[in-house]
């Protein structure tokens, strides 16, 4: 009887690209117990209506700042320029806000205070990384150093602000090229469509200015790879993951959408594994 009376969590999704659509299909297919997709928002409203027309329960198409009106959880999958519009609306209403443009969050940590003030929560999914639970554990003991090395096919990095600002061309590249070496904060600004993983790592560990990042363009690479090395007072470890690029957006690994789905599962599952 209790299950029959249980009110499902309402989900709103900002952006219906590769990640947003994967999550939307999953929730509409009832793969996540006690959760329903109530609203979505996209730049092209007509296209959005076409994409969700065949859903079992067609969600409302609403403006970005209205997603939180009828949703308990708002997943953000939009270009970085629209991040704050989605975040402020969700957290002002005390919702759970799940951002994918994590790099923007580094420069807007006042959102944490907004969440605290209104009873909201910011939940950053692991995205294309592994082992953020181990990084959080190490941070509680004391991290001495943390470094991320990312390697991607050149095509997926073209147009990044850092490359444009420094006149770096990737055309005709025949061997791996180091494009950037610096802090996670700088990496997130220079590669906003590629390095949200650096921001997530920084938030889990020792912070955006202490987390070191190298970015390589590798013409032989067919997958996006991320290697993290941590030394701490409780453990030293190295983790590497090779992500299969999304068919719709080569800048995004397929696992990113599944990371969001896993995070949503944690909100409703009676059994949660991992710290």
Protein backbone atom coordinates (compact mmCIF):
# COMPACT_ATOMS: atom_id res chain seq x y z
CA UNK A 1 0.00 0.00 0.00
CA UNK A 2 2.86 2.36 0.87
CA UNK A 3 4.43 1.86 -2.57
CA UNK A 4 1.14 2.61 -4.30
CA UNK A 5 0.89 5.94 -2.48
CA UNK A 6 4.51 6.95 -3.08
CA UNK A 7 4.85 10.12 -5.16
CA UNK A 8 7.46 9.75 -7.94
CA UNK A 9 10.25 12.29 -8.27
CA UNK A 10 9.70 14.71 -11.15
CA UNK A 11 12.57 15.27 -13.58
CA UNK A 12 13.25 18.25 -15.82
CA UNK A 13 16.01 18.20 -18.46
CA UNK A 14 17.66 21.30 -19.90
CA UNK A 15 18.96 20.43 -23.35
CA UNK A 16 18.08 17.54 -25.64
CA UNK A 17 21.44 16.78 -27.20
CA UNK A 18 23.26 13.46 -26.95
CA UNK A 19 23.20 13.40 -23.14
CA UNK A 20 19.78 14.91 -22.57
CA UNK A 21 18.02 12.59 -25.01
CA UNK A 22 19.69 9.49 -23.60
CA UNK A 23 18.56 10.39 -20.10
CA UNK A 24 15.08 11.36 -21.30
CA UNK A 25 14.56 8.04 -23.10
CA UNK A 26 15.75 6.11 -20.06
CA UNK A 27 13.39 7.84 -17.65
CA UNK A 28 10.44 7.74 -20.05
CA UNK A 29 11.07 4.00 -20.46
CA UNK A 30 10.68 3.68 -16.68
CA UNK A 31 14.20 2.37 -16.21
CA UNK A 32 14.42 4.40 -13.00
CA UNK A 33 11.86 3.46 -10.39
CA UNK A 34 9.80 6.23 -8.82
CA UNK A 35 10.86 8.90 -11.31
CA UNK A 36 8.95 10.57 -14.16
CA UNK A 37 10.01 13.00 -16.87
CA UNK A 38 7.74 16.04 -16.59
CA UNK A 39 9.45 18.77 -18.61
CA UNK A 40 12.26 19.47 -21.06
CA UNK A 41 13.76 22.59 -22.56
CA UNK A 42 15.72 23.05 -25.78
CA UNK A 43 16.87 25.86 -28.05
CA UNK A 44 14.76 24.56 -30.94
CA UNK A 45 11.28 24.04 -29.51
CA UNK A 46 9.85 22.53 -32.69
CA UNK A 47 12.69 20.02 -32.90
CA UNK A 48 12.27 19.19 -29.21
CA UNK A 49 8.59 18.42 -29.75
CA UNK A 50 9.52 16.05 -32.59
CA UNK A 51 12.12 14.26 -30.47
CA UNK A 52 9.76 13.52 -27.58
CA UNK A 53 6.59 13.00 -29.63
CA UNK A 54 6.86 9.21 -29.42
CA UNK A 55 7.44 9.07 -25.67
CA UNK A 56 5.10 7.04 -23.52
CA UNK A 57 4.45 10.15 -21.44
CA UNK A 58 5.19 13.29 -23.47
CA UNK A 59 6.85 15.94 -21.28
CA UNK A 60 6.03 19.64 -21.38
CA UNK A 61 8.33 21.84 -23.51
CA UNK A 62 9.11 24.89 -21.37
CA UNK A 63 11.63 27.77 -21.21
CA UNK A 64 14.88 27.12 -19.32
CA UNK A 65 13.90 29.21 -16.31
CA UNK A 66 10.59 27.35 -15.98
CA UNK A 67 11.99 23.83 -15.78
CA UNK A 68 12.06 23.91 -11.98
CA UNK A 69 8.39 24.91 -11.71
CA UNK A 70 7.23 21.32 -12.14
CA UNK A 71 10.37 19.31 -11.39
CA UNK A 72 12.09 18.11 -8.23
CA UNK A 73 15.36 17.46 -10.11
CA UNK A 74 16.81 19.54 -12.94
CA UNK A 75 19.55 18.04 -15.12
CA UNK A 76 21.56 20.67 -17.03
CA UNK A 77 22.89 19.62 -20.47
CA UNK A 78 23.06 23.01 -22.22
CA UNK A 79 25.92 25.15 -23.59
CA UNK A 80 27.86 26.90 -20.83
CA UNK A 81 26.36 30.29 -21.75
CA UNK A 82 22.96 29.15 -20.43
CA UNK A 83 24.22 27.43 -17.28
CA UNK A 84 23.36 30.19 -14.81
CA UNK A 85 19.82 30.62 -16.10
CA UNK A 86 19.08 26.97 -15.36
CA UNK A 87 21.06 26.82 -12.10
CA UNK A 88 19.61 29.92 -10.46
CA UNK A 89 16.03 28.98 -11.28
CA UNK A 90 16.45 25.45 -9.92
CA UNK A 91 18.28 26.37 -6.73
CA UNK A 92 16.06 29.36 -5.97
CA UNK A 93 13.18 26.88 -5.83
CA UNK A 94 15.08 24.46 -3.61
CA UNK A 95 15.43 21.75 -6.26
CA UNK A 96 18.15 19.16 -6.82
CA UNK A 97 20.38 20.59 -9.55
CA UNK A 98 22.57 18.18 -11.54
CA UNK A 99 25.01 20.11 -13.76
CA UNK A 100 27.03 18.80 -16.69
CA UNK A 101 28.72 22.16 -17.42
CA UNK A 102 30.69 21.75 -14.21
CA UNK A 103 33.48 24.07 -15.33
CA UNK A 104 31.12 27.05 -15.03
CA UNK A 105 30.35 26.10 -11.44
CA UNK A 106 33.98 26.76 -10.46
CA UNK A 107 33.44 30.49 -11.05
CA UNK A 108 30.01 30.57 -9.43
CA UNK A 109 30.43 28.89 -6.07
CA UNK A 110 27.87 31.36 -4.71
CA UNK A 111 25.37 28.83 -6.04
CA UNK A 112 26.29 26.61 -3.09
CA UNK A 113 25.07 29.36 -0.75
CA UNK A 114 21.90 29.74 -2.84
CA UNK A 115 21.26 26.00 -2.53
CA UNK A 116 21.86 26.08 1.23
CA UNK A 117 19.55 29.08 1.68
CA UNK A 118 16.63 27.48 -0.19
CA UNK A 119 17.06 23.82 0.75
CA UNK A 120 18.36 22.80 -2.66
CA UNK A 121 21.27 20.52 -3.57
CA UNK A 122 23.93 20.53 -6.26
CA UNK A 123 24.81 16.99 -7.33
CA UNK A 124 27.73 16.71 -9.76
CA UNK A 125 27.76 13.37 -11.61
CA UNK A 126 31.07 11.61 -12.26
CA UNK A 127 30.71 12.16 -16.00
CA UNK A 128 33.57 10.73 -18.05
CA UNK A 129 35.79 10.02 -15.02
CA UNK A 130 36.17 7.07 -12.69
CA UNK A 131 37.08 6.92 -9.04
CA UNK A 132 35.70 10.20 -7.72
CA UNK A 133 34.64 8.28 -4.60
CA UNK A 134 38.31 7.37 -4.03
CA UNK A 135 39.35 10.99 -4.63
CA UNK A 136 36.79 12.22 -2.08
CA UNK A 137 38.05 9.67 0.44
CA UNK A 138 41.65 10.74 -0.14
CA UNK A 139 40.66 14.40 0.24
CA UNK A 140 39.24 13.69 3.69
CA UNK A 141 42.67 12.35 4.73
CA UNK A 142 44.73 14.95 2.89
CA UNK A 143 45.77 15.03 -0.77
CA UNK A 144 49.37 15.94 -1.56
CA UNK A 145 48.98 16.06 -5.35
CA UNK A 146 46.41 15.27 -8.04
CA UNK A 147 46.91 15.37 -11.80
CA UNK A 148 44.66 14.70 -14.78
CA UNK A 149 46.07 13.84 -18.21
CA UNK A 150 43.49 13.86 -20.99
CA UNK A 151 44.04 12.68 -24.57
CA UNK A 152 41.51 13.26 -27.32
CA UNK A 153 41.30 13.08 -31.11
CA UNK A 154 42.18 16.51 -32.56
CA UNK A 155 38.77 16.92 -34.20
CA UNK A 156 37.00 16.91 -30.85
CA UNK A 157 39.17 19.77 -29.55
CA UNK A 158 38.90 22.18 -32.48
CA UNK A 159 37.34 25.54 -31.68
CA UNK A 160 38.30 25.50 -27.99
CA UNK A 161 38.88 29.06 -26.69
CA UNK A 162 42.44 28.23 -25.61
CA UNK A 163 43.36 27.13 -29.13
CA UNK A 164 41.73 30.17 -30.74
CA UNK A 165 43.32 32.63 -28.32
CA UNK A 166 46.80 31.16 -28.83
CA UNK A 167 46.53 30.57 -32.58
CA UNK A 168 47.01 26.81 -32.22
CA UNK A 169 46.05 24.81 -35.31
CA UNK A 170 45.42 21.08 -35.20
CA UNK A 171 45.15 20.66 -38.97
CA UNK A 172 47.45 17.96 -40.34
CA UNK A 173 48.61 16.86 -36.90
CA UNK A 174 50.62 13.62 -37.18
CA UNK A 175 51.84 13.04 -33.63
CA UNK A 176 50.55 13.76 -30.11
CA UNK A 177 50.71 17.45 -29.21
CA UNK A 178 50.58 18.96 -25.72
CA UNK A 179 48.03 21.77 -25.89
CA UNK A 180 47.79 22.83 -22.27
CA UNK A 181 49.44 22.35 -18.90
CA UNK A 182 48.10 24.18 -15.87
CA UNK A 183 45.36 24.25 -13.25
CA UNK A 184 41.89 22.74 -13.53
CA UNK A 185 40.40 26.23 -13.27
CA UNK A 186 42.38 27.39 -16.32
CA UNK A 187 41.61 24.17 -18.21
CA UNK A 188 37.87 24.55 -17.67
CA UNK A 189 37.99 28.09 -19.08
CA UNK A 190 40.18 27.20 -22.04
CA UNK A 191 38.28 24.03 -22.99
CA UNK A 192 34.69 24.52 -21.71
CA UNK A 193 33.20 21.84 -23.97
CA UNK A 194 35.89 19.27 -23.19
CA UNK A 195 37.18 19.60 -19.64
CA UNK A 196 34.19 19.40 -17.30
CA UNK A 197 35.95 16.29 -15.99
CA UNK A 198 38.74 18.52 -14.66
CA UNK A 199 36.21 20.61 -12.74
CA UNK A 200 34.53 17.53 -11.26
CA UNK A 201 37.91 16.14 -10.20
CA UNK A 202 38.83 19.47 -8.61
CA UNK A 203 35.59 19.68 -6.63
CA UNK A 204 36.01 16.11 -5.38
CA UNK A 205 39.64 16.58 -4.44
CA UNK A 206 41.97 19.46 -3.61
CA UNK A 207 40.30 22.32 -5.47
CA UNK A 208 40.53 23.95 -8.92
CA UNK A 209 43.83 25.75 -8.37
CA UNK A 210 45.71 22.80 -6.87
CA UNK A 211 44.51 20.20 -9.41
CA UNK A 212 46.95 19.95 -12.33
CA UNK A 213 45.86 19.18 -15.88
CA UNK A 214 47.54 18.24 -19.15
CA UNK A 215 45.58 18.19 -22.41
CA UNK A 216 46.91 16.33 -25.45
CA UNK A 217 45.62 16.15 -29.01
CA UNK A 218 46.47 12.70 -30.34
CA UNK A 219 45.79 11.92 -34.03
CA UNK A 220 46.09 8.18 -33.30
CA UNK A 221 43.44 8.30 -30.57
CA UNK A 222 40.02 6.93 -31.39
CA UNK A 223 38.68 7.39 -27.87
CA UNK A 224 38.79 10.09 -25.21
CA UNK A 225 41.10 8.95 -22.42
CA UNK A 226 41.45 10.37 -18.91
CA UNK A 227 44.23 9.37 -16.49
CA UNK A 228 44.20 10.57 -12.88
CA UNK A 229 47.13 10.22 -10.49
CA UNK A 230 46.67 10.99 -6.79
CA UNK A 231 49.08 10.93 -3.87
CA UNK A 232 47.58 11.34 -0.42
CA UNK A 233 48.02 10.53 3.26
CA UNK A 234 45.79 7.44 2.98
CA UNK A 235 46.52 6.04 -0.50
CA UNK A 236 48.35 6.63 -3.76
CA UNK A 237 46.54 5.57 -6.92
CA UNK A 238 46.32 5.97 -10.69
CA UNK A 239 43.12 5.51 -12.68
CA UNK A 240 42.62 5.48 -16.45
CA UNK A 241 39.45 5.34 -18.51
CA UNK A 242 38.95 5.29 -22.29
CA UNK A 243 35.56 6.63 -23.29
CA UNK A 244 33.75 5.77 -26.51
CA UNK A 245 32.76 9.10 -28.15
CA UNK A 246 29.07 9.79 -28.64
CA UNK A 247 27.83 9.37 -32.21
CA UNK A 248 25.98 12.69 -31.94
CA UNK A 249 28.76 14.70 -30.30
CA UNK A 250 32.41 13.50 -30.43
CA UNK A 251 33.31 15.91 -27.61
CA UNK A 252 31.18 13.81 -25.26
CA UNK A 253 31.77 10.21 -24.21
CA UNK A 254 28.82 7.82 -24.21
CA UNK A 255 29.45 7.06 -20.55
CA UNK A 256 28.55 10.63 -19.53
CA UNK A 257 24.83 10.07 -20.07
CA UNK A 258 25.03 6.77 -18.19
CA UNK A 259 26.76 8.58 -15.34
CA UNK A 260 23.75 10.90 -15.05
CA UNK A 261 21.40 7.92 -15.15
CA UNK A 262 23.39 6.21 -12.39
CA UNK A 263 23.24 9.37 -10.29
CA UNK A 264 19.46 9.55 -10.74
CA UNK A 265 19.18 5.90 -9.69
CA UNK A 266 20.91 6.78 -6.40
CA UNK A 267 18.08 9.17 -5.57
CA UNK A 268 15.42 6.47 -5.60
CA UNK A 269 17.23 3.17 -4.99
CA UNK A 270 16.88 1.44 -1.59
CA UNK A 271 20.50 0.23 -2.00
CA UNK A 272 23.35 2.63 -2.78
CA UNK A 273 26.90 1.36 -3.37
CA UNK A 274 29.93 3.63 -3.17
CA UNK A 275 30.69 6.59 -0.94
